[in-house]
Amino acid sequence: MKYWAITFSKLPADAMALYPFMIFKKQVLQSSQVIVNHEKVHFRQQQELLIIFFYPLYFLHYLINLVKYRNHYSAYRQICFEKEAYSNEGDFEYLKHRKPYAWLKYLRE
């Protein structure tokens, strides 16, 4: 999966996927296979949702979680897209066998 890597020191996270860009807080993070794999999972999610639908769904899920958990970090970690990415970031073969819309199962967890 090809992407354009960008470094932006003021990024609020270590990395972020905004298809087709992968933005890193520090250049050294570009060599982290785990971080890159995590962001590639987000690329696949974005592609499934035709890119434009991913962002409103992501933000809506975050807002619902923020009301539920009343904590930014908990709300973020409970977003279904993040749960899938974190659960599989260490499996470098995951995207080869991942089923379409796999993030849906993380809505129920």
N, C-alpha and C. Protein backbone atom coordinates (compact mmCIF):
# COMPACT_ATOMS: atom_id res chain seq x y z
N MET A 1 0.86 -1.17 0.00
CA MET A 1 0.00 0.00 0.00
C MET A 1 0.91 1.23 0.00
N LYS A 2 0.79 2.01 -1.03
CA LYS A 2 1.63 3.21 -1.14
C LYS A 2 1.00 4.38 -0.40
N TYR A 3 1.86 5.22 0.14
CA TYR A 3 1.40 6.42 0.83
C TYR A 3 2.52 7.45 0.79
N TRP A 4 2.15 8.68 1.06
CA TRP A 4 3.13 9.76 1.16
C TRP A 4 3.35 10.04 2.64
N ALA A 5 4.60 9.98 3.07
CA ALA A 5 4.94 10.23 4.47
C ALA A 5 5.26 11.71 4.66
N ILE A 6 4.70 12.26 5.71
CA ILE A 6 4.91 13.67 6.07
C ILE A 6 5.28 13.71 7.54
N THR A 7 6.20 14.58 7.90
CA THR A 7 6.54 14.79 9.31
C THR A 7 6.00 16.15 9.73
N PHE A 8 5.28 16.16 10.86
CA PHE A 8 4.70 17.39 11.39
C PHE A 8 4.84 17.35 12.91
N SER A 9 5.78 18.11 13.43
CA SER A 9 6.14 18.02 14.85
C SER A 9 5.02 18.41 15.81
N LYS A 10 4.03 19.15 15.35
CA LYS A 10 2.94 19.58 16.24
C LYS A 10 1.74 18.62 16.22
N LEU A 11 1.89 17.49 15.57
CA LEU A 11 0.83 16.50 15.51
C LEU A 11 0.50 16.05 16.94
N PRO A 12 -0.79 15.96 17.30
CA PRO A 12 -1.15 15.59 18.67
C PRO A 12 -0.99 14.10 18.97
N ALA A 13 -0.66 13.30 17.96
CA ALA A 13 -0.44 11.86 18.13
C ALA A 13 0.89 11.50 17.49
N ASP A 14 1.33 10.26 17.70
CA ASP A 14 2.58 9.83 17.07
C ASP A 14 2.44 9.77 15.55
N ALA A 15 1.25 9.38 15.09
CA ALA A 15 1.02 9.28 13.65
C ALA A 15 -0.47 9.42 13.36
N MET A 16 -0.78 9.72 12.11
CA MET A 16 -2.16 9.88 11.69
C MET A 16 -2.27 9.51 10.22
N ALA A 17 -3.35 8.84 9.86
CA ALA A 17 -3.59 8.47 8.47
C ALA A 17 -4.69 9.35 7.90
N LEU A 18 -4.34 10.12 6.91
CA LEU A 18 -5.31 10.93 6.15
C LEU A 18 -5.08 10.57 4.69
N TYR A 19 -5.73 9.53 4.25
CA TYR A 19 -5.48 8.94 2.94
C TYR A 19 -5.31 10.00 1.86
N PRO A 20 -4.23 9.92 1.10
CA PRO A 20 -3.14 8.95 0.99
C PRO A 20 -1.89 9.37 1.76
N PHE A 21 -2.05 10.22 2.77
CA PHE A 21 -0.90 10.71 3.54
C PHE A 21 -0.82 10.00 4.88
N MET A 22 0.39 9.67 5.30
CA MET A 22 0.64 9.16 6.63
C MET A 22 1.51 10.23 7.29
N ILE A 23 0.98 10.84 8.32
CA ILE A 23 1.65 11.96 8.97
C ILE A 23 2.26 11.46 10.28
N PHE A 24 3.53 11.79 10.49
CA PHE A 24 4.26 11.35 11.67
C PHE A 24 4.71 12.56 12.48
N LYS A 25 4.69 12.41 13.80
CA LYS A 25 5.15 13.48 14.68
C LYS A 25 6.67 13.68 14.56
N LYS A 26 7.39 12.57 14.42
CA LYS A 26 8.84 12.59 14.28
C LYS A 26 9.24 11.68 13.13
N GLN A 27 10.26 12.06 12.42
CA GLN A 27 10.70 11.27 11.27
C GLN A 27 11.08 9.85 11.66
N VAL A 28 11.66 9.68 12.83
CA VAL A 28 12.08 8.35 13.28
C VAL A 28 10.90 7.37 13.37
N LEU A 29 9.70 7.88 13.60
CA LEU A 29 8.52 7.02 13.72
C LEU A 29 8.14 6.37 12.40
N GLN A 30 8.61 6.91 11.30
CA GLN A 30 8.31 6.34 9.98
C GLN A 30 8.88 4.94 9.83
N SER A 31 9.88 4.60 10.63
CA SER A 31 10.49 3.27 10.54
C SER A 31 9.87 2.27 11.51
N SER A 32 8.86 2.69 12.26
CA SER A 32 8.17 1.77 13.18
C SER A 32 7.15 0.94 12.40
N GLN A 33 7.43 -0.35 12.27
CA GLN A 33 6.51 -1.22 11.54
C GLN A 33 5.14 -1.28 12.20
N VAL A 34 5.11 -1.23 13.51
CA VAL A 34 3.84 -1.31 14.24
C VAL A 34 3.00 -0.06 13.95
N ILE A 35 3.60 1.10 14.03
CA ILE A 35 2.86 2.34 13.77
C ILE A 35 2.39 2.39 12.32
N VAL A 36 3.26 2.06 11.39
CA VAL A 36 2.88 2.07 9.97
C VAL A 36 1.76 1.07 9.72
N ASN A 37 1.83 -0.11 10.31
CA ASN A 37 0.77 -1.11 10.12
C ASN A 37 -0.55 -0.61 10.70
N HIS A 38 -0.50 0.01 11.87
CA HIS A 38 -1.70 0.60 12.49
C HIS A 38 -2.35 1.60 11.52
N GLU A 39 -1.55 2.47 10.96
CA GLU A 39 -2.08 3.49 10.05
C GLU A 39 -2.58 2.87 8.74
N LYS A 40 -1.97 1.79 8.30
CA LYS A 40 -2.44 1.10 7.09
C LYS A 40 -3.81 0.48 7.31
N VAL A 41 -4.07 0.02 8.53
CA VAL A 41 -5.41 -0.47 8.85
C VAL A 41 -6.41 0.67 8.67
N HIS A 42 -6.05 1.86 9.13
CA HIS A 42 -6.93 3.03 8.93
C HIS A 42 -7.11 3.35 7.44
N PHE A 43 -6.06 3.20 6.66
CA PHE A 43 -6.21 3.42 5.21
C PHE A 43 -7.26 2.48 4.64
N ARG A 44 -7.22 1.21 5.04
CA ARG A 44 -8.20 0.25 4.52
C ARG A 44 -9.61 0.62 4.96
N GLN A 45 -9.75 1.04 6.20
CA GLN A 45 -11.06 1.48 6.70
C GLN A 45 -11.55 2.68 5.89
N GLN A 46 -10.66 3.61 5.63
CA GLN A 46 -11.02 4.81 4.88
C GLN A 46 -11.44 4.45 3.46
N GLN A 47 -10.73 3.53 2.84
CA GLN A 47 -11.08 3.11 1.48
C GLN A 47 -12.45 2.46 1.45
N GLU A 48 -12.74 1.63 2.44
CA GLU A 48 -14.05 0.96 2.50
C GLU A 48 -15.19 1.97 2.59
N LEU A 49 -14.94 3.06 3.26
CA LEU A 49 -15.97 4.07 3.46
C LEU A 49 -15.83 5.23 2.46
N LEU A 50 -15.17 4.92 1.35
CA LEU A 50 -15.00 5.89 0.27
C LEU A 50 -14.35 7.19 0.76
N ILE A 51 -13.52 7.06 1.73
CA ILE A 51 -12.74 8.11 2.38
C ILE A 51 -13.63 9.15 3.05
N ILE A 52 -14.52 9.76 2.33
CA ILE A 52 -15.31 10.87 2.86
C ILE A 52 -16.23 10.47 4.02
N PHE A 53 -16.72 9.24 4.05
CA PHE A 53 -17.62 8.83 5.11
C PHE A 53 -16.88 8.38 6.38
N PHE A 54 -15.61 8.07 6.23
CA PHE A 54 -14.82 7.62 7.38
C PHE A 54 -14.74 8.72 8.44
N TYR A 55 -14.39 9.91 8.05
CA TYR A 55 -14.13 10.98 9.02
C TYR A 55 -15.35 11.37 9.84
N PRO A 56 -16.53 11.55 9.24
CA PRO A 56 -17.71 11.85 10.09
C PRO A 56 -18.05 10.69 11.03
N LEU A 57 -17.91 9.44 10.55
CA LEU A 57 -18.20 8.30 11.42
C LEU A 57 -17.20 8.21 12.57
N TYR A 58 -15.95 8.45 12.27
CA TYR A 58 -14.91 8.44 13.29
C TYR A 58 -15.21 9.50 14.36
N PHE A 59 -15.50 10.71 13.91
CA PHE A 59 -15.77 11.81 14.84
C PHE A 59 -17.05 11.56 15.64
N LEU A 60 -18.08 11.04 14.99
CA LEU A 60 -19.34 10.74 15.69
C LEU A 60 -19.11 9.69 16.77
N HIS A 61 -18.38 8.64 16.43
CA HIS A 61 -18.10 7.60 17.41
C HIS A 61 -17.29 8.16 18.58
N TYR A 62 -16.35 9.04 18.27
CA TYR A 62 -15.56 9.68 19.33
C TYR A 62 -16.49 10.50 20.25
N LEU A 63 -17.37 11.30 19.67
CA LEU A 63 -18.28 12.13 20.48
C LEU A 63 -19.19 11.29 21.37
N ILE A 64 -19.73 10.22 20.82
CA ILE A 64 -20.57 9.31 21.61
C ILE A 64 -19.77 8.74 22.77
N ASN A 65 -18.54 8.32 22.48
CA ASN A 65 -17.68 7.77 23.53
C ASN A 65 -17.30 8.82 24.56
N LEU A 66 -17.12 10.04 24.13
CA LEU A 66 -16.75 11.11 25.05
C LEU A 66 -17.87 11.36 26.06
N VAL A 67 -19.12 11.32 25.59
CA VAL A 67 -20.26 11.45 26.49
C VAL A 67 -20.31 10.25 27.44
N LYS A 68 -20.06 9.08 26.89
CA LYS A 68 -20.14 7.84 27.68
C LYS A 68 -19.02 7.74 28.71
N TYR A 69 -17.78 8.02 28.32
CA TYR A 69 -16.63 7.82 29.20
C TYR A 69 -16.14 9.10 29.89
N ARG A 70 -16.53 10.25 29.37
CA ARG A 70 -16.14 11.55 29.94
C ARG A 70 -14.62 11.71 30.09
N ASN A 71 -13.91 11.13 29.12
CA ASN A 71 -12.46 11.16 29.15
C ASN A 71 -11.95 11.02 27.72
N HIS A 72 -11.10 11.94 27.29
CA HIS A 72 -10.61 11.93 25.91
C HIS A 72 -9.93 10.61 25.55
N TYR A 73 -9.00 10.17 26.39
CA TYR A 73 -8.23 8.97 26.06
C TYR A 73 -9.13 7.74 25.95
N SER A 74 -10.03 7.57 26.89
CA SER A 74 -10.95 6.43 26.84
C SER A 74 -11.86 6.51 25.62
N ALA A 75 -12.35 7.70 25.34
CA ALA A 75 -13.22 7.89 24.17
C ALA A 75 -12.49 7.53 22.89
N TYR A 76 -11.25 7.98 22.78
CA TYR A 76 -10.43 7.68 21.60
C TYR A 76 -10.17 6.18 21.47
N ARG A 77 -9.77 5.53 22.56
CA ARG A 77 -9.41 4.11 22.50
C ARG A 77 -10.63 3.22 22.24
N GLN A 78 -11.84 3.71 22.49
CA GLN A 78 -13.03 2.92 22.27
C GLN A 78 -13.67 3.14 20.90
N ILE A 79 -13.08 3.99 20.09
CA ILE A 79 -13.58 4.17 18.71
C ILE A 79 -13.37 2.84 17.99
N CYS A 80 -14.39 2.34 17.32
CA CYS A 80 -14.30 1.03 16.68
C CYS A 80 -13.13 0.94 15.71
N PHE A 81 -12.83 2.01 14.99
CA PHE A 81 -11.72 2.01 14.04
C PHE A 81 -10.38 1.87 14.76
N GLU A 82 -10.26 2.51 15.91
CA GLU A 82 -9.03 2.41 16.70
C GLU A 82 -8.90 1.04 17.34
N LYS A 83 -10.01 0.49 17.79
CA LYS A 83 -9.96 -0.83 18.40
C LYS A 83 -9.46 -1.87 17.40
N GLU A 84 -9.94 -1.79 16.18
CA GLU A 84 -9.44 -2.73 15.16
C GLU A 84 -7.96 -2.50 14.90
N ALA A 85 -7.56 -1.25 14.73
CA ALA A 85 -6.16 -0.95 14.41
C ALA A 85 -5.23 -1.36 15.55
N TYR A 86 -5.57 -1.04 16.78
CA TYR A 86 -4.72 -1.42 17.92
C TYR A 86 -4.69 -2.94 18.10
N SER A 87 -5.81 -3.60 17.89
CA SER A 87 -5.85 -5.06 18.08
C SER A 87 -4.98 -5.81 17.08
N ASN A 88 -4.75 -5.20 15.93
CA ASN A 88 -4.07 -5.91 14.85
C ASN A 88 -2.78 -5.25 14.37
N GLU A 89 -2.33 -4.22 15.05
CA GLU A 89 -1.15 -3.49 14.58
C GLU A 89 0.12 -4.34 14.58
N GLY A 90 0.19 -5.34 15.42
CA GLY A 90 1.38 -6.19 15.47
C GLY A 90 1.32 -7.38 14.52
N ASP A 91 0.19 -7.57 13.87
CA ASP A 91 0.02 -8.67 12.91
C ASP A 91 0.28 -8.11 11.52
N PHE A 92 1.49 -8.32 11.03
CA PHE A 92 1.88 -7.71 9.76
C PHE A 92 1.27 -8.42 8.55
N GLU A 93 0.55 -9.49 8.78
CA GLU A 93 -0.18 -10.20 7.71
C GLU A 93 -1.69 -9.87 7.76
N TYR A 94 -2.10 -9.10 8.73
CA TYR A 94 -3.52 -8.85 8.97
C TYR A 94 -4.25 -8.34 7.73
N LEU A 95 -3.70 -7.39 7.05
CA LEU A 95 -4.42 -6.81 5.90
C LEU A 95 -4.56 -7.79 4.74
N LYS A 96 -3.76 -8.83 4.73
CA LYS A 96 -3.87 -9.84 3.67
C LYS A 96 -5.09 -10.74 3.87
N HIS A 97 -5.50 -10.94 5.13
CA HIS A 97 -6.64 -11.82 5.40
C HIS A 97 -7.83 -11.10 6.04
N ARG A 98 -7.72 -9.81 6.20
CA ARG A 98 -8.79 -9.00 6.81
C ARG A 98 -10.05 -9.04 5.95
N LYS A 99 -11.18 -9.22 6.59
CA LYS A 99 -12.45 -9.20 5.87
C LYS A 99 -12.94 -7.77 5.75
N PRO A 100 -13.65 -7.46 4.66
CA PRO A 100 -14.19 -6.10 4.50
C PRO A 100 -15.08 -5.71 5.69
N TYR A 101 -14.98 -4.47 6.07
CA TYR A 101 -15.77 -3.89 7.15
C TYR A 101 -15.55 -4.61 8.49
N ALA A 102 -14.33 -5.10 8.69
CA ALA A 102 -13.99 -5.81 9.93
C ALA A 102 -14.18 -4.92 11.16
N TRP A 103 -14.09 -3.62 10.98
CA TRP A 103 -14.26 -2.69 12.10
C TRP A 103 -15.65 -2.77 12.72
N LEU A 104 -16.64 -3.27 11.97
CA LEU A 104 -18.00 -3.36 12.50
C LEU A 104 -18.09 -4.27 13.73
N LYS A 105 -17.28 -5.33 13.76
CA LYS A 105 -17.35 -6.23 14.91
C LYS A 105 -16.87 -5.54 16.19
N TYR A 106 -16.09 -4.48 16.05
CA TYR A 106 -15.58 -3.76 17.23
C TYR A 106 -16.62 -2.78 17.79
N LEU A 107 -17.72 -2.61 17.11
CA LEU A 107 -18.82 -1.80 17.66
C LEU A 107 -19.49 -2.53 18.82
N ARG A 108 -19.47 -3.84 18.75
CA ARG A 108 -20.15 -4.65 19.77
C ARG A 108 -19.28 -4.95 20.98
N GLU A 109 -18.00 -4.67 20.89
CA GLU A 109 -17.09 -4.99 22.01
C GLU A 109 -17.08 -3.89 23.03
